[in-house]
Amino acid sequence: MEKPGYQTQLNEIRAHIHAISGSVPVHRRESRRQYSFSDCPFSEQLAIWDELWRSETNFWLRLHAYFFLERHLKNNRNCSKCGRSLSVGRTISTIGACAMP
């Protein structure tokens, strides 16, 4: 079930991605788009993309969540909950399930 606080952001992402027609390179380029929440702290952006990953089965929507994480992996970010470094082995779904409060 989606968190009510993210419904607006999830709808914004869905509307943008459903308007894109094209191949993976087109979607990769479009994934760099700035959303209304793009200036929020990284941990909040991650929570939004994680919620999209968990609540959607659409390939293109999930691909954009992957692109978000991929960009931040390149920046060597750390998990805001446990401080562990994000790595290729930790997917979006495992970050959301971090055991630390």
C-alpha atoms as a PDB file:
ATOM      1  CA  MET A   1       0.000   0.000   0.000  1.00  0.00           C
ATOM      2  CA  GLU A   2       1.300   3.457  -0.898  1.00  0.00           C
ATOM      3  CA  LYS A   3       2.111   6.028   1.736  1.00  0.00           C
ATOM      4  CA  PRO A   4      -0.426   8.880   1.467  1.00  0.00           C
ATOM      5  CA  GLY A   5       2.326  11.494   1.796  1.00  0.00           C
ATOM      6  CA  TYR A   6       3.922  10.410  -1.484  1.00  0.00           C
ATOM      7  CA  GLN A   7       0.814  10.116  -3.649  1.00  0.00           C
ATOM      8  CA  THR A   8       1.362  13.508  -5.317  1.00  0.00           C
ATOM      9  CA  GLN A   9       4.983  12.710  -6.128  1.00  0.00           C
ATOM     10  CA  LEU A  10       4.146   9.229  -7.414  1.00  0.00           C
ATOM     11  CA  ASN A  11       1.419  10.655  -9.654  1.00  0.00           C
ATOM     12  CA  GLU A  12       3.893  13.227 -10.988  1.00  0.00           C
ATOM     13  CA  ILE A  13       6.378  10.485 -11.864  1.00  0.00           C
ATOM     14  CA  ARG A  14       3.702   8.263 -13.435  1.00  0.00           C
ATOM     15  CA  ALA A  15       2.337  11.101 -15.594  1.00  0.00           C
ATOM     16  CA  HIS A  16       5.798  11.997 -16.883  1.00  0.00           C
ATOM     17  CA  ILE A  17       6.882   8.439 -17.630  1.00  0.00           C
ATOM     18  CA  HIS A  18       3.605   7.434 -19.275  1.00  0.00           C
ATOM     19  CA  ALA A  19       4.028  10.415 -21.643  1.00  0.00           C
ATOM     20  CA  ILE A  20       7.407   9.136 -22.872  1.00  0.00           C
ATOM     21  CA  SER A  21       7.521   6.946 -25.927  1.00  0.00           C
ATOM     22  CA  GLY A  22      10.813   5.524 -26.925  1.00  0.00           C
ATOM     23  CA  SER A  23      13.584   3.141 -26.131  1.00  0.00           C
ATOM     24  CA  VAL A  24      15.782   2.750 -23.064  1.00  0.00           C
ATOM     25  CA  PRO A  25      18.176   5.556 -24.162  1.00  0.00           C
ATOM     26  CA  VAL A  26      15.213   7.963 -24.387  1.00  0.00           C
ATOM     27  CA  HIS A  27      14.059   6.908 -20.922  1.00  0.00           C
ATOM     28  CA  ARG A  28      17.584   7.258 -19.520  1.00  0.00           C
ATOM     29  CA  ARG A  29      17.758  10.830 -20.837  1.00  0.00           C
ATOM     30  CA  GLU A  30      14.293  11.606 -19.458  1.00  0.00           C
ATOM     31  CA  SER A  31      15.210  10.126 -16.079  1.00  0.00           C
ATOM     32  CA  ARG A  32      17.385  13.181 -15.460  1.00  0.00           C
ATOM     33  CA  ARG A  33      14.261  15.363 -15.353  1.00  0.00           C
ATOM     34  CA  GLN A  34      13.816  17.498 -12.264  1.00  0.00           C
ATOM     35  CA  TYR A  35      10.661  16.719 -10.295  1.00  0.00           C
ATOM     36  CA  SER A  36       8.960  18.935  -7.728  1.00  0.00           C
ATOM     37  CA  PHE A  37      10.686  16.891  -4.996  1.00  0.00           C
ATOM     38  CA  SER A  38      14.166  16.887  -6.584  1.00  0.00           C
ATOM     39  CA  ASP A  39      15.438  19.499  -4.118  1.00  0.00           C
ATOM     40  CA  CYS A  40      14.333  17.444  -1.096  1.00  0.00           C
ATOM     41  CA  PRO A  41      16.974  15.656   0.968  1.00  0.00           C
ATOM     42  CA  PHE A  42      18.371  12.509  -0.610  1.00  0.00           C
ATOM     43  CA  SER A  43      16.720  10.295   2.023  1.00  0.00           C
ATOM     44  CA  GLU A  44      13.269  11.641   1.152  1.00  0.00           C
ATOM     45  CA  GLN A  45      13.849  11.259  -2.585  1.00  0.00           C
ATOM     46  CA  LEU A  46      15.022   7.698  -1.973  1.00  0.00           C
ATOM     47  CA  ALA A  47      11.867   6.961   0.035  1.00  0.00           C
ATOM     48  CA  ILE A  48       9.687   8.220  -2.834  1.00  0.00           C
ATOM     49  CA  TRP A  49      11.508   6.139  -5.460  1.00  0.00           C
ATOM     50  CA  ASP A  50      11.512   3.147  -3.111  1.00  0.00           C
ATOM     51  CA  GLU A  51       7.741   3.448  -2.700  1.00  0.00           C
ATOM     52  CA  LEU A  52       7.356   3.557  -6.488  1.00  0.00           C
ATOM     53  CA  TRP A  53       9.591   0.465  -6.815  1.00  0.00           C
ATOM     54  CA  ARG A  54       7.534  -1.434  -4.249  1.00  0.00           C
ATOM     55  CA  SER A  55       4.105  -0.402  -5.523  1.00  0.00           C
ATOM     56  CA  GLU A  56       4.531  -0.663  -9.306  1.00  0.00           C
ATOM     57  CA  THR A  57       4.994  -3.584 -11.658  1.00  0.00           C
ATOM     58  CA  ASN A  58       5.366  -1.484 -14.829  1.00  0.00           C
ATOM     59  CA  PHE A  59       8.815  -1.982 -16.370  1.00  0.00           C
ATOM     60  CA  TRP A  60       9.321   1.670 -17.355  1.00  0.00           C
ATOM     61  CA  LEU A  61       8.343   3.051 -13.953  1.00  0.00           C
ATOM     62  CA  ARG A  62      10.646   0.637 -12.158  1.00  0.00           C
ATOM     63  CA  LEU A  63      13.432   1.396 -14.635  1.00  0.00           C
ATOM     64  CA  HIS A  64      13.300   5.077 -13.676  1.00  0.00           C
ATOM     65  CA  ALA A  65      13.582   4.121 -10.001  1.00  0.00           C
ATOM     66  CA  TYR A  66      16.642   2.074 -10.954  1.00  0.00           C
ATOM     67  CA  PHE A  67      18.102   5.020 -12.899  1.00  0.00           C
ATOM     68  CA  PHE A  68      17.663   7.243  -9.819  1.00  0.00           C
ATOM     69  CA  LEU A  69      19.561   4.783  -7.634  1.00  0.00           C
ATOM     70  CA  GLU A  70      22.228   4.236 -10.291  1.00  0.00           C
ATOM     71  CA  ARG A  71      22.959   7.983 -10.447  1.00  0.00           C
ATOM     72  CA  HIS A  72      23.422   8.133  -6.690  1.00  0.00           C
ATOM     73  CA  LEU A  73      25.531   4.990  -6.562  1.00  0.00           C
ATOM     74  CA  LYS A  74      27.972   6.790  -8.813  1.00  0.00           C
ATOM     75  CA  ASN A  75      28.062   9.593  -6.223  1.00  0.00           C
ATOM     76  CA  ASN A  76      28.946   7.061  -3.487  1.00  0.00           C
ATOM     77  CA  ARG A  77      26.050   7.917  -1.162  1.00  0.00           C
ATOM     78  CA  ASN A  78      25.349   6.283   2.185  1.00  0.00           C
ATOM     79  CA  CYS A  79      22.105   4.901   3.549  1.00  0.00           C
ATOM     80  CA  SER A  80      20.495   7.575   5.723  1.00  0.00           C
ATOM     81  CA  LYS A  81      19.269   4.954   8.214  1.00  0.00           C
ATOM     82  CA  CYS A  82      22.348   2.844   8.859  1.00  0.00           C
ATOM     83  CA  GLY A  83      25.188   4.811   7.263  1.00  0.00           C
ATOM     84  CA  ARG A  84      26.300   1.850   5.156  1.00  0.00           C
ATOM     85  CA  SER A  85      27.470   2.697   1.698  1.00  0.00           C
ATOM     86  CA  LEU A  86      25.001   2.104  -1.117  1.00  0.00           C
ATOM     87  CA  SER A  87      26.439  -0.459  -3.469  1.00  0.00           C
ATOM     88  CA  VAL A  88      25.408  -2.386  -6.535  1.00  0.00           C
ATOM     89  CA  GLY A  89      24.494  -5.338  -4.304  1.00  0.00           C
ATOM     90  CA  ARG A  90      21.929  -3.316  -2.352  1.00  0.00           C
ATOM     91  CA  THR A  91      18.847  -2.796  -4.473  1.00  0.00           C
ATOM     92  CA  ILE A  92      16.140  -0.219  -3.873  1.00  0.00           C
ATOM     93  CA  SER A  93      14.010  -2.803  -2.095  1.00  0.00           C
ATOM     94  CA  THR A  94      16.788  -3.794   0.323  1.00  0.00           C
ATOM     95  CA  ILE A  95      17.539  -0.160   1.178  1.00  0.00           C
ATOM     96  CA  GLY A  96      13.933   0.391   2.211  1.00  0.00           C
ATOM     97  CA  ALA A  97      14.168  -2.677   4.405  1.00  0.00           C
ATOM     98  CA  CYS A  98      17.209  -1.430   6.320  1.00  0.00           C
ATOM     99  CA  ALA A  99      17.079  -2.794   9.856  1.00  0.00           C
ATOM    100  CA  MET A 100      18.161   0.452  11.499  1.00  0.00           C
ATOM    101  CA  PRO A 101      15.411   2.806  12.836  1.00  0.00           C
END
